[in-house]
């Protein structure tokens, strides 16, 4: 993750994204700072496992959709434009064909990158929860551990445990080790 220090607004961020040299790159706006995401292959494999599990579930239970690296912005927030690694949106919220969704997902998965500290991850998680996301799943590949965050609870899960998201996705539960296959 590379941060650009100048504090800007979401309007300026849109112009930055539109520049030709930025079209094939992943950027977030975090409290007015542009941050370039640079996911590793491990990161992508784990995120892919999550979106695969979510899409399989949502194919059988058509209550929403899952996406990878989809832009979301809290309403009326002019300093944040986030790209959760995996997002699940329930219901019939509009799906932008271009630009940013002006709402946050119901469920977010963030996979730790080599430059992300545990504290960075927790801060990301609470940003989403503070702005309406119901569940945040933080994935720590090095520890082969997952933390499930809600407004009222924090649960640490390891291989051998099950990630149960049935409070949001009825009947959804998967062994933690499933997300680390192949890495």
N, C-alpha and C. Protein backbone atom coordinates (compact mmCIF):
# COMPACT_ATOMS: atom_id res chain seq x y z
N UNK A 1 0.85 -1.16 0.00
CA UNK A 1 0.00 0.00 0.00
C UNK A 1 0.90 1.23 0.00
N UNK A 2 0.67 2.13 -0.94
CA UNK A 2 1.45 3.36 -1.05
C UNK A 2 0.52 4.53 -0.78
N UNK A 3 0.88 5.42 0.14
CA UNK A 3 0.04 6.58 0.46
C UNK A 3 0.64 7.83 -0.17
N UNK A 4 -0.23 8.68 -0.70
CA UNK A 4 0.15 9.98 -1.23
C UNK A 4 -0.33 10.99 -0.21
N UNK A 5 0.55 11.82 0.31
CA UNK A 5 0.32 12.62 1.51
C UNK A 5 -0.68 13.76 1.39
N UNK A 6 -0.85 14.36 0.25
CA UNK A 6 -1.72 15.53 0.12
C UNK A 6 -3.17 15.18 0.46
N UNK A 7 -3.82 15.95 1.29
CA UNK A 7 -5.21 15.72 1.67
C UNK A 7 -6.12 16.30 0.58
N UNK A 8 -7.02 15.45 0.08
CA UNK A 8 -7.90 15.88 -0.99
C UNK A 8 -9.34 15.46 -0.70
N UNK A 9 -10.27 15.96 -1.50
CA UNK A 9 -11.69 15.62 -1.37
C UNK A 9 -12.03 14.51 -2.35
N UNK A 10 -13.22 13.95 -2.19
CA UNK A 10 -13.67 12.91 -3.11
C UNK A 10 -13.81 13.45 -4.53
N UNK A 11 -14.16 14.71 -4.66
CA UNK A 11 -14.26 15.33 -6.00
C UNK A 11 -12.88 15.36 -6.67
N UNK A 12 -11.87 15.76 -5.92
CA UNK A 12 -10.50 15.76 -6.46
C UNK A 12 -10.02 14.33 -6.72
N UNK A 13 -10.43 13.40 -5.88
CA UNK A 13 -10.07 12.01 -6.05
C UNK A 13 -10.62 11.45 -7.37
N UNK A 14 -11.86 11.83 -7.70
CA UNK A 14 -12.45 11.40 -8.97
C UNK A 14 -11.61 11.88 -10.15
N UNK A 15 -11.15 13.12 -10.09
CA UNK A 15 -10.29 13.65 -11.17
C UNK A 15 -8.96 12.89 -11.22
N UNK A 16 -8.40 12.58 -10.06
CA UNK A 16 -7.16 11.81 -9.99
C UNK A 16 -7.35 10.44 -10.65
N UNK A 17 -8.45 9.76 -10.33
CA UNK A 17 -8.71 8.44 -10.90
C UNK A 17 -8.88 8.49 -12.42
N UNK A 18 -9.41 9.60 -12.92
CA UNK A 18 -9.67 9.74 -14.35
C UNK A 18 -8.40 9.96 -15.18
N UNK A 19 -7.29 10.28 -14.54
CA UNK A 19 -6.05 10.49 -15.27
C UNK A 19 -5.59 9.18 -15.90
N UNK A 20 -5.14 9.24 -17.14
CA UNK A 20 -4.80 8.04 -17.90
C UNK A 20 -3.78 7.15 -17.19
N UNK A 21 -2.83 7.72 -16.49
CA UNK A 21 -1.81 6.92 -15.82
C UNK A 21 -2.35 6.14 -14.61
N UNK A 22 -3.59 6.43 -14.21
CA UNK A 22 -4.18 5.76 -13.05
C UNK A 22 -5.26 4.75 -13.39
N UNK A 23 -5.58 4.59 -14.66
CA UNK A 23 -6.73 3.77 -15.04
C UNK A 23 -6.59 2.29 -14.70
N UNK A 24 -5.41 1.75 -14.68
CA UNK A 24 -5.22 0.32 -14.39
C UNK A 24 -4.65 0.07 -13.00
N UNK A 25 -4.82 1.03 -12.12
CA UNK A 25 -4.29 0.91 -10.76
C UNK A 25 -5.43 0.99 -9.76
N UNK A 26 -5.20 0.48 -8.54
CA UNK A 26 -6.21 0.47 -7.49
C UNK A 26 -5.86 1.50 -6.43
N UNK A 27 -6.76 2.45 -6.23
CA UNK A 27 -6.56 3.50 -5.23
C UNK A 27 -7.77 3.60 -4.32
N UNK A 28 -7.49 3.98 -3.07
CA UNK A 28 -8.53 4.32 -2.11
C UNK A 28 -8.27 5.74 -1.62
N UNK A 29 -9.31 6.37 -1.14
CA UNK A 29 -9.17 7.65 -0.45
C UNK A 29 -9.50 7.39 1.01
N UNK A 30 -8.49 7.56 1.87
CA UNK A 30 -8.65 7.26 3.29
C UNK A 30 -8.38 8.53 4.08
N UNK A 31 -9.45 9.10 4.60
CA UNK A 31 -9.38 10.35 5.35
C UNK A 31 -8.62 11.41 4.55
N UNK A 32 -8.92 11.52 3.27
CA UNK A 32 -8.34 12.56 2.43
C UNK A 32 -6.98 12.23 1.83
N UNK A 33 -6.43 11.07 2.14
CA UNK A 33 -5.13 10.66 1.59
C UNK A 33 -5.34 9.57 0.54
N UNK A 34 -4.70 9.72 -0.59
CA UNK A 34 -4.77 8.70 -1.63
C UNK A 34 -3.82 7.57 -1.26
N UNK A 35 -4.35 6.35 -1.28
CA UNK A 35 -3.57 5.17 -0.95
C UNK A 35 -3.69 4.19 -2.11
N UNK A 36 -2.55 3.77 -2.63
CA UNK A 36 -2.56 2.78 -3.70
C UNK A 36 -2.52 1.39 -3.09
N UNK A 37 -3.45 0.55 -3.52
CA UNK A 37 -3.48 -0.83 -3.07
C UNK A 37 -2.59 -1.66 -3.98
N UNK A 38 -1.79 -2.50 -3.37
CA UNK A 38 -0.88 -3.35 -4.14
C UNK A 38 -0.98 -4.77 -3.61
N UNK A 39 -2.09 -5.46 -3.92
CA UNK A 39 -2.30 -6.80 -3.37
C UNK A 39 -1.31 -7.82 -3.93
N UNK A 40 -0.97 -8.78 -3.08
CA UNK A 40 -0.10 -9.88 -3.49
C UNK A 40 -0.95 -11.01 -4.06
N UNK A 41 -0.30 -12.00 -4.63
CA UNK A 41 -1.01 -13.17 -5.13
C UNK A 41 -1.72 -13.89 -3.98
N UNK A 42 -1.04 -14.05 -2.84
CA UNK A 42 -1.68 -14.67 -1.67
C UNK A 42 -2.97 -13.93 -1.31
N UNK A 43 -2.88 -12.62 -1.28
CA UNK A 43 -4.02 -11.76 -0.98
C UNK A 43 -5.17 -12.06 -1.94
N UNK A 44 -4.85 -12.13 -3.23
CA UNK A 44 -5.86 -12.37 -4.24
C UNK A 44 -6.49 -13.75 -4.14
N UNK A 45 -5.69 -14.75 -3.80
CA UNK A 45 -6.22 -16.11 -3.66
C UNK A 45 -7.21 -16.17 -2.51
N UNK A 46 -6.85 -15.56 -1.38
CA UNK A 46 -7.74 -15.57 -0.22
C UNK A 46 -9.02 -14.79 -0.51
N UNK A 47 -8.90 -13.61 -1.09
CA UNK A 47 -10.09 -12.82 -1.44
C UNK A 47 -10.96 -13.60 -2.43
N UNK A 48 -10.32 -14.29 -3.37
CA UNK A 48 -11.06 -15.10 -4.34
C UNK A 48 -11.84 -16.22 -3.67
N UNK A 49 -11.25 -16.83 -2.65
CA UNK A 49 -11.96 -17.89 -1.91
C UNK A 49 -13.23 -17.32 -1.25
N UNK A 50 -13.10 -16.14 -0.66
CA UNK A 50 -14.27 -15.53 -0.02
C UNK A 50 -15.36 -15.23 -1.04
N UNK A 51 -14.99 -14.59 -2.13
CA UNK A 51 -16.03 -14.21 -3.10
C UNK A 51 -16.65 -15.46 -3.73
N UNK A 52 -15.86 -16.51 -3.90
CA UNK A 52 -16.41 -17.77 -4.43
C UNK A 52 -17.46 -18.33 -3.47
N UNK A 53 -17.11 -18.39 -2.18
CA UNK A 53 -18.05 -18.91 -1.18
C UNK A 53 -19.32 -18.04 -1.11
N UNK A 54 -19.13 -16.71 -1.14
CA UNK A 54 -20.29 -15.82 -1.08
C UNK A 54 -21.17 -15.96 -2.32
N UNK A 55 -20.56 -16.00 -3.48
CA UNK A 55 -21.36 -16.12 -4.71
C UNK A 55 -22.09 -17.46 -4.78
N UNK A 56 -21.44 -18.54 -4.33
CA UNK A 56 -22.14 -19.83 -4.28
C UNK A 56 -23.36 -19.73 -3.38
N UNK A 57 -23.18 -19.12 -2.22
CA UNK A 57 -24.29 -18.93 -1.29
C UNK A 57 -25.39 -18.06 -1.92
N UNK A 58 -24.98 -16.94 -2.51
CA UNK A 58 -25.96 -15.99 -3.05
C UNK A 58 -26.64 -16.51 -4.32
N UNK A 59 -26.03 -17.44 -5.03
CA UNK A 59 -26.72 -18.10 -6.14
C UNK A 59 -27.91 -18.91 -5.63
N UNK A 60 -27.72 -19.55 -4.48
CA UNK A 60 -28.79 -20.36 -3.88
C UNK A 60 -29.76 -19.55 -3.05
N UNK A 61 -29.32 -18.40 -2.57
CA UNK A 61 -30.13 -17.51 -1.73
C UNK A 61 -30.03 -16.11 -2.33
N UNK A 62 -30.83 -15.77 -3.32
CA UNK A 62 -30.68 -14.49 -4.04
C UNK A 62 -31.15 -13.29 -3.22
N UNK A 63 -30.30 -12.94 -2.23
CA UNK A 63 -30.64 -11.82 -1.35
C UNK A 63 -29.67 -10.65 -1.51
N UNK A 64 -28.71 -10.77 -2.43
CA UNK A 64 -27.73 -9.71 -2.62
C UNK A 64 -26.67 -10.15 -3.59
N UNK A 65 -25.53 -9.45 -3.55
CA UNK A 65 -24.43 -9.79 -4.45
C UNK A 65 -23.09 -9.53 -3.77
N UNK A 66 -22.07 -10.21 -4.28
CA UNK A 66 -20.72 -10.07 -3.76
C UNK A 66 -19.82 -9.50 -4.85
N UNK A 67 -18.81 -8.76 -4.44
CA UNK A 67 -17.89 -8.15 -5.41
C UNK A 67 -16.48 -8.10 -4.83
N UNK A 68 -15.50 -7.98 -5.72
CA UNK A 68 -14.10 -7.83 -5.34
C UNK A 68 -13.65 -6.43 -5.73
N UNK A 69 -13.01 -5.72 -4.80
CA UNK A 69 -12.43 -4.40 -5.06
C UNK A 69 -13.44 -3.41 -5.68
N UNK A 70 -14.68 -3.43 -5.21
CA UNK A 70 -15.70 -2.49 -5.69
C UNK A 70 -15.67 -1.23 -4.83
N UNK A 71 -15.73 -0.08 -5.48
CA UNK A 71 -15.64 1.20 -4.76
C UNK A 71 -16.94 1.50 -4.01
N UNK A 72 -16.77 1.95 -2.76
CA UNK A 72 -17.90 2.35 -1.91
C UNK A 72 -17.52 3.61 -1.17
N UNK A 73 -18.52 4.47 -0.98
CA UNK A 73 -18.29 5.73 -0.26
C UNK A 73 -19.47 5.96 0.68
N UNK A 74 -19.18 6.28 1.94
CA UNK A 74 -20.28 6.62 2.84
C UNK A 74 -21.00 7.87 2.33
N UNK A 75 -22.33 7.90 2.42
CA UNK A 75 -23.07 9.09 1.97
C UNK A 75 -22.57 10.36 2.68
N UNK A 76 -22.47 11.43 1.94
CA UNK A 76 -22.04 12.74 2.44
C UNK A 76 -20.61 12.76 2.99
N UNK A 77 -19.82 11.76 2.72
CA UNK A 77 -18.43 11.73 3.18
C UNK A 77 -17.55 12.23 2.04
N UNK A 78 -16.84 13.31 2.27
CA UNK A 78 -16.00 13.90 1.21
C UNK A 78 -14.52 13.58 1.38
N UNK A 79 -14.18 12.65 2.30
CA UNK A 79 -12.77 12.32 2.48
C UNK A 79 -12.48 10.83 2.44
N UNK A 80 -13.48 10.01 2.10
CA UNK A 80 -13.28 8.57 2.04
C UNK A 80 -13.94 7.96 0.81
N UNK A 81 -13.22 7.08 0.16
CA UNK A 81 -13.69 6.32 -1.00
C UNK A 81 -12.94 5.00 -0.91
N UNK A 82 -13.62 3.96 -0.46
CA UNK A 82 -12.94 2.73 -0.08
C UNK A 82 -13.15 1.61 -1.10
N UNK A 83 -12.15 0.71 -1.14
CA UNK A 83 -12.16 -0.48 -2.00
C UNK A 83 -12.01 -1.71 -1.11
N UNK A 84 -13.07 -2.17 -0.48
CA UNK A 84 -12.89 -3.38 0.33
C UNK A 84 -12.46 -4.54 -0.56
N UNK A 85 -11.65 -5.42 -0.01
CA UNK A 85 -11.17 -6.56 -0.80
C UNK A 85 -12.36 -7.37 -1.32
N UNK A 86 -13.31 -7.65 -0.46
CA UNK A 86 -14.55 -8.33 -0.85
C UNK A 86 -15.69 -7.61 -0.14
N UNK A 87 -16.79 -7.42 -0.85
CA UNK A 87 -17.95 -6.77 -0.25
C UNK A 87 -19.21 -7.55 -0.62
N UNK A 88 -20.14 -7.56 0.31
CA UNK A 88 -21.46 -8.16 0.07
C UNK A 88 -22.49 -7.08 0.37
N UNK A 89 -23.36 -6.87 -0.60
CA UNK A 89 -24.44 -5.90 -0.45
C UNK A 89 -25.76 -6.67 -0.55
N UNK A 90 -26.59 -6.51 0.45
CA UNK A 90 -27.88 -7.20 0.48
C UNK A 90 -28.98 -6.28 -0.01
N UNK A 91 -30.04 -6.87 -0.52
CA UNK A 91 -31.19 -6.09 -0.98
C UNK A 91 -31.01 -5.60 -2.39
N UNK A 92 -31.76 -4.58 -2.71
CA UNK A 92 -31.81 -4.10 -4.10
C UNK A 92 -31.20 -2.70 -4.27
N UNK A 93 -30.13 -2.44 -3.57
CA UNK A 93 -29.45 -1.16 -3.74
C UNK A 93 -28.95 -1.05 -5.18
N UNK A 94 -28.90 0.17 -5.71
CA UNK A 94 -28.44 0.32 -7.10
C UNK A 94 -27.00 -0.17 -7.28
N UNK A 95 -26.74 -0.76 -8.44
CA UNK A 95 -25.41 -1.24 -8.79
C UNK A 95 -24.84 -0.29 -9.83
N UNK A 96 -23.92 0.59 -9.43
CA UNK A 96 -23.37 1.55 -10.39
C UNK A 96 -22.65 0.86 -11.54
N UNK A 97 -22.89 1.33 -12.74
CA UNK A 97 -22.18 0.83 -13.92
C UNK A 97 -20.84 1.53 -14.06
N UNK A 98 -20.72 2.67 -13.39
CA UNK A 98 -19.51 3.48 -13.46
C UNK A 98 -19.39 4.24 -12.14
N UNK A 99 -18.16 4.44 -11.69
CA UNK A 99 -17.95 5.25 -10.49
C UNK A 99 -18.17 4.46 -9.21
N UNK A 100 -18.55 5.18 -8.19
CA UNK A 100 -18.60 4.66 -6.83
C UNK A 100 -20.04 4.39 -6.38
N UNK A 101 -20.21 3.38 -5.54
CA UNK A 101 -21.49 3.15 -4.87
C UNK A 101 -21.55 4.11 -3.69
N UNK A 102 -22.62 4.86 -3.56
CA UNK A 102 -22.71 5.84 -2.48
C UNK A 102 -23.34 5.26 -1.22
N UNK A 103 -22.91 4.08 -0.89
CA UNK A 103 -23.32 3.38 0.33
C UNK A 103 -22.21 2.38 0.65
N UNK A 104 -22.18 1.94 1.90
CA UNK A 104 -21.20 0.92 2.28
C UNK A 104 -21.86 -0.45 2.25
N UNK A 105 -21.06 -1.49 2.03
CA UNK A 105 -21.60 -2.85 1.99
C UNK A 105 -22.13 -3.29 3.36
N UNK A 106 -22.96 -4.31 3.35
CA UNK A 106 -23.45 -4.91 4.59
C UNK A 106 -22.37 -5.77 5.24
N UNK A 107 -21.52 -6.37 4.41
CA UNK A 107 -20.44 -7.23 4.87
C UNK A 107 -19.18 -6.88 4.11
N UNK A 108 -18.07 -6.76 4.83
CA UNK A 108 -16.78 -6.43 4.22
C UNK A 108 -15.75 -7.46 4.67
N UNK A 109 -14.90 -7.88 3.74
CA UNK A 109 -13.74 -8.71 4.05
C UNK A 109 -12.50 -7.92 3.66
N UNK A 110 -11.57 -7.79 4.59
CA UNK A 110 -10.28 -7.16 4.34
C UNK A 110 -9.19 -8.17 4.64
N UNK A 111 -8.33 -8.41 3.65
CA UNK A 111 -7.21 -9.34 3.80
C UNK A 111 -5.94 -8.52 4.06
N UNK A 112 -5.22 -8.87 5.10
CA UNK A 112 -4.01 -8.14 5.46
C UNK A 112 -2.95 -8.28 4.36
N UNK A 113 -2.43 -7.14 3.94
CA UNK A 113 -1.31 -7.10 3.02
C UNK A 113 -0.03 -6.98 3.83
N UNK A 114 1.13 -7.26 3.24
CA UNK A 114 2.38 -7.22 4.01
C UNK A 114 2.63 -5.91 4.75
N UNK A 115 2.18 -4.80 4.22
CA UNK A 115 2.43 -3.50 4.87
C UNK A 115 1.36 -3.10 5.88
N UNK A 116 0.29 -3.88 5.99
CA UNK A 116 -0.78 -3.56 6.93
C UNK A 116 -0.45 -4.10 8.31
N UNK A 117 -0.45 -3.24 9.32
CA UNK A 117 -0.28 -3.71 10.69
C UNK A 117 -1.63 -4.21 11.21
N UNK A 118 -1.57 -4.90 12.34
CA UNK A 118 -2.81 -5.34 12.97
C UNK A 118 -3.68 -4.11 13.28
N UNK A 119 -3.05 -3.07 13.77
CA UNK A 119 -3.78 -1.83 14.10
C UNK A 119 -4.44 -1.23 12.86
N UNK A 120 -3.72 -1.21 11.71
CA UNK A 120 -4.31 -0.72 10.46
C UNK A 120 -5.58 -1.50 10.13
N UNK A 121 -5.50 -2.81 10.30
CA UNK A 121 -6.64 -3.67 9.98
C UNK A 121 -7.83 -3.38 10.90
N UNK A 122 -7.57 -3.25 12.19
CA UNK A 122 -8.65 -2.96 13.14
C UNK A 122 -9.27 -1.60 12.82
N UNK A 123 -8.44 -0.62 12.49
CA UNK A 123 -8.96 0.71 12.13
C UNK A 123 -9.85 0.62 10.89
N UNK A 124 -9.43 -0.14 9.88
CA UNK A 124 -10.28 -0.34 8.69
C UNK A 124 -11.61 -0.95 9.10
N UNK A 125 -11.53 -1.97 9.94
CA UNK A 125 -12.76 -2.64 10.37
C UNK A 125 -13.73 -1.71 11.06
N UNK A 126 -13.22 -0.90 11.98
CA UNK A 126 -14.11 -0.01 12.70
C UNK A 126 -14.60 1.16 11.85
N UNK A 127 -13.83 1.55 10.84
CA UNK A 127 -14.34 2.55 9.90
C UNK A 127 -15.63 2.03 9.26
N UNK A 128 -15.57 0.81 8.76
CA UNK A 128 -16.76 0.24 8.11
C UNK A 128 -17.92 0.11 9.09
N UNK A 129 -17.66 -0.41 10.28
CA UNK A 129 -18.73 -0.57 11.27
C UNK A 129 -19.32 0.78 11.67
N UNK A 130 -18.47 1.79 11.83
CA UNK A 130 -18.95 3.12 12.21
C UNK A 130 -19.81 3.77 11.14
N UNK A 131 -19.71 3.28 9.90
CA UNK A 131 -20.46 3.87 8.80
C UNK A 131 -21.55 2.94 8.25
N UNK A 132 -21.95 1.94 9.04
CA UNK A 132 -23.13 1.16 8.69
C UNK A 132 -22.92 -0.27 8.26
N UNK A 133 -21.69 -0.69 8.02
CA UNK A 133 -21.45 -2.10 7.69
C UNK A 133 -21.80 -2.94 8.92
N UNK A 134 -22.46 -4.07 8.69
CA UNK A 134 -22.91 -4.88 9.82
C UNK A 134 -21.87 -5.86 10.32
N UNK A 135 -21.10 -6.45 9.39
CA UNK A 135 -20.06 -7.41 9.77
C UNK A 135 -18.80 -7.11 8.97
N UNK A 136 -17.66 -7.14 9.65
CA UNK A 136 -16.36 -7.01 8.99
C UNK A 136 -15.56 -8.25 9.33
N UNK A 137 -14.99 -8.86 8.30
CA UNK A 137 -14.13 -10.02 8.48
C UNK A 137 -12.71 -9.59 8.11
N UNK A 138 -11.81 -9.66 9.09
CA UNK A 138 -10.41 -9.32 8.88
C UNK A 138 -9.62 -10.61 8.78
N UNK A 139 -8.80 -10.73 7.74
CA UNK A 139 -8.07 -11.95 7.49
C UNK A 139 -6.58 -11.68 7.66
N UNK A 140 -5.92 -12.50 8.48
CA UNK A 140 -4.51 -12.38 8.76
C UNK A 140 -3.80 -13.63 8.24
N UNK A 141 -3.32 -13.59 6.97
CA UNK A 141 -2.74 -14.79 6.36
C UNK A 141 -1.55 -15.36 7.12
N UNK A 142 -0.65 -14.52 7.63
CA UNK A 142 0.53 -15.01 8.33
C UNK A 142 0.19 -15.84 9.56
N UNK A 143 -0.85 -15.44 10.26
CA UNK A 143 -1.29 -16.16 11.46
C UNK A 143 -2.35 -17.22 11.12
N UNK A 144 -2.80 -17.23 9.86
CA UNK A 144 -3.89 -18.12 9.42
C UNK A 144 -5.07 -17.95 10.38
N UNK A 145 -5.45 -16.70 10.54
CA UNK A 145 -6.45 -16.31 11.52
C UNK A 145 -7.44 -15.32 10.89
N UNK A 146 -8.65 -15.36 11.38
CA UNK A 146 -9.71 -14.46 10.95
C UNK A 146 -10.30 -13.80 12.19
N UNK A 147 -10.60 -12.51 12.08
CA UNK A 147 -11.34 -11.83 13.15
C UNK A 147 -12.66 -11.35 12.57
N UNK A 148 -13.74 -11.73 13.22
CA UNK A 148 -15.08 -11.29 12.83
C UNK A 148 -15.49 -10.17 13.78
N UNK A 149 -15.76 -8.99 13.19
CA UNK A 149 -16.14 -7.82 13.98
C UNK A 149 -17.59 -7.44 13.71
N UNK A 150 -18.31 -7.15 14.77
CA UNK A 150 -19.63 -6.51 14.68
C UNK A 150 -19.60 -5.35 15.67
N UNK A 151 -20.65 -4.57 15.69
CA UNK A 151 -20.69 -3.44 16.64
C UNK A 151 -20.58 -3.93 18.08
N UNK A 152 -21.07 -5.14 18.35
CA UNK A 152 -21.14 -5.62 19.73
C UNK A 152 -20.16 -6.73 20.08
N UNK A 153 -19.38 -7.20 19.10
CA UNK A 153 -18.59 -8.39 19.37
C UNK A 153 -17.34 -8.45 18.50
N UNK A 154 -16.34 -9.09 19.02
CA UNK A 154 -15.12 -9.38 18.26
C UNK A 154 -14.78 -10.83 18.53
N UNK A 155 -14.65 -11.61 17.46
CA UNK A 155 -14.40 -13.03 17.58
C UNK A 155 -13.14 -13.39 16.79
N UNK A 156 -12.18 -14.03 17.45
CA UNK A 156 -10.95 -14.47 16.80
C UNK A 156 -11.12 -15.94 16.45
N UNK A 157 -10.87 -16.26 15.17
CA UNK A 157 -11.06 -17.62 14.67
C UNK A 157 -9.77 -18.13 14.03
N UNK A 158 -9.50 -19.40 14.25
CA UNK A 158 -8.31 -20.04 13.68
C UNK A 158 -8.75 -21.28 12.90
N UNK A 159 -7.78 -21.87 12.19
CA UNK A 159 -8.08 -23.12 11.50
C UNK A 159 -8.64 -24.12 12.51
N UNK A 160 -9.69 -24.80 12.12
CA UNK A 160 -10.40 -25.68 13.05
C UNK A 160 -11.68 -25.05 13.56
N UNK A 161 -11.78 -23.71 13.46
CA UNK A 161 -13.00 -22.98 13.82
C UNK A 161 -13.84 -22.76 12.57
N UNK A 162 -15.09 -22.40 12.77
CA UNK A 162 -15.98 -22.08 11.66
C UNK A 162 -16.29 -20.59 11.67
N UNK A 163 -16.26 -19.98 10.49
CA UNK A 163 -16.72 -18.60 10.33
C UNK A 163 -18.22 -18.67 10.07
N UNK A 164 -19.00 -18.27 11.05
CA UNK A 164 -20.45 -18.30 10.96
C UNK A 164 -20.97 -16.90 10.70
N UNK A 165 -21.57 -16.72 9.55
CA UNK A 165 -22.14 -15.41 9.18
C UNK A 165 -23.65 -15.48 9.07
N UNK A 166 -24.25 -16.47 9.75
CA UNK A 166 -25.68 -16.69 9.61
C UNK A 166 -26.53 -15.56 10.19
N UNK A 167 -25.93 -14.70 11.01
CA UNK A 167 -26.69 -13.55 11.50
C UNK A 167 -26.99 -12.57 10.36
N UNK A 168 -26.26 -12.64 9.27
CA UNK A 168 -26.48 -11.79 8.10
C UNK A 168 -26.86 -12.62 6.87
N UNK A 169 -26.20 -13.77 6.72
CA UNK A 169 -26.44 -14.69 5.60
C UNK A 169 -26.94 -16.00 6.21
N UNK A 170 -28.26 -16.16 6.37
CA UNK A 170 -28.81 -17.32 7.08
C UNK A 170 -28.25 -18.65 6.55
N UNK A 171 -27.69 -19.42 7.50
CA UNK A 171 -27.16 -20.73 7.16
C UNK A 171 -25.73 -20.74 6.67
N UNK A 172 -25.09 -19.56 6.54
CA UNK A 172 -23.72 -19.52 6.02
C UNK A 172 -22.73 -19.78 7.14
N UNK A 173 -21.96 -20.85 6.98
CA UNK A 173 -20.89 -21.18 7.90
C UNK A 173 -19.85 -21.98 7.13
N UNK A 174 -18.58 -21.62 7.27
CA UNK A 174 -17.49 -22.28 6.56
C UNK A 174 -16.29 -22.41 7.47
N UNK A 175 -15.61 -23.54 7.37
CA UNK A 175 -14.38 -23.73 8.15
C UNK A 175 -13.36 -22.69 7.74
N UNK A 176 -12.70 -22.10 8.71
CA UNK A 176 -11.69 -21.08 8.46
C UNK A 176 -10.60 -21.61 7.52
N UNK A 177 -10.22 -22.87 7.68
CA UNK A 177 -9.14 -23.42 6.85
C UNK A 177 -9.48 -23.39 5.36
N UNK A 178 -10.75 -23.34 5.01
CA UNK A 178 -11.16 -23.30 3.61
C UNK A 178 -10.64 -22.03 2.89
N UNK A 179 -10.51 -20.95 3.63
CA UNK A 179 -10.09 -19.69 3.04
C UNK A 179 -8.57 -19.62 2.80
N UNK A 180 -7.85 -20.54 3.42
CA UNK A 180 -6.39 -20.54 3.29
C UNK A 180 -5.88 -21.66 2.37
N UNK A 181 -6.79 -22.36 1.72
CA UNK A 181 -6.37 -23.44 0.81
C UNK A 181 -5.47 -22.88 -0.30
N UNK A 182 -4.38 -23.54 -0.53
CA UNK A 182 -3.49 -23.14 -1.63
C UNK A 182 -2.52 -22.03 -1.30
N UNK A 183 -2.54 -21.55 -0.05
CA UNK A 183 -1.60 -20.48 0.32
C UNK A 183 -0.76 -20.90 1.52
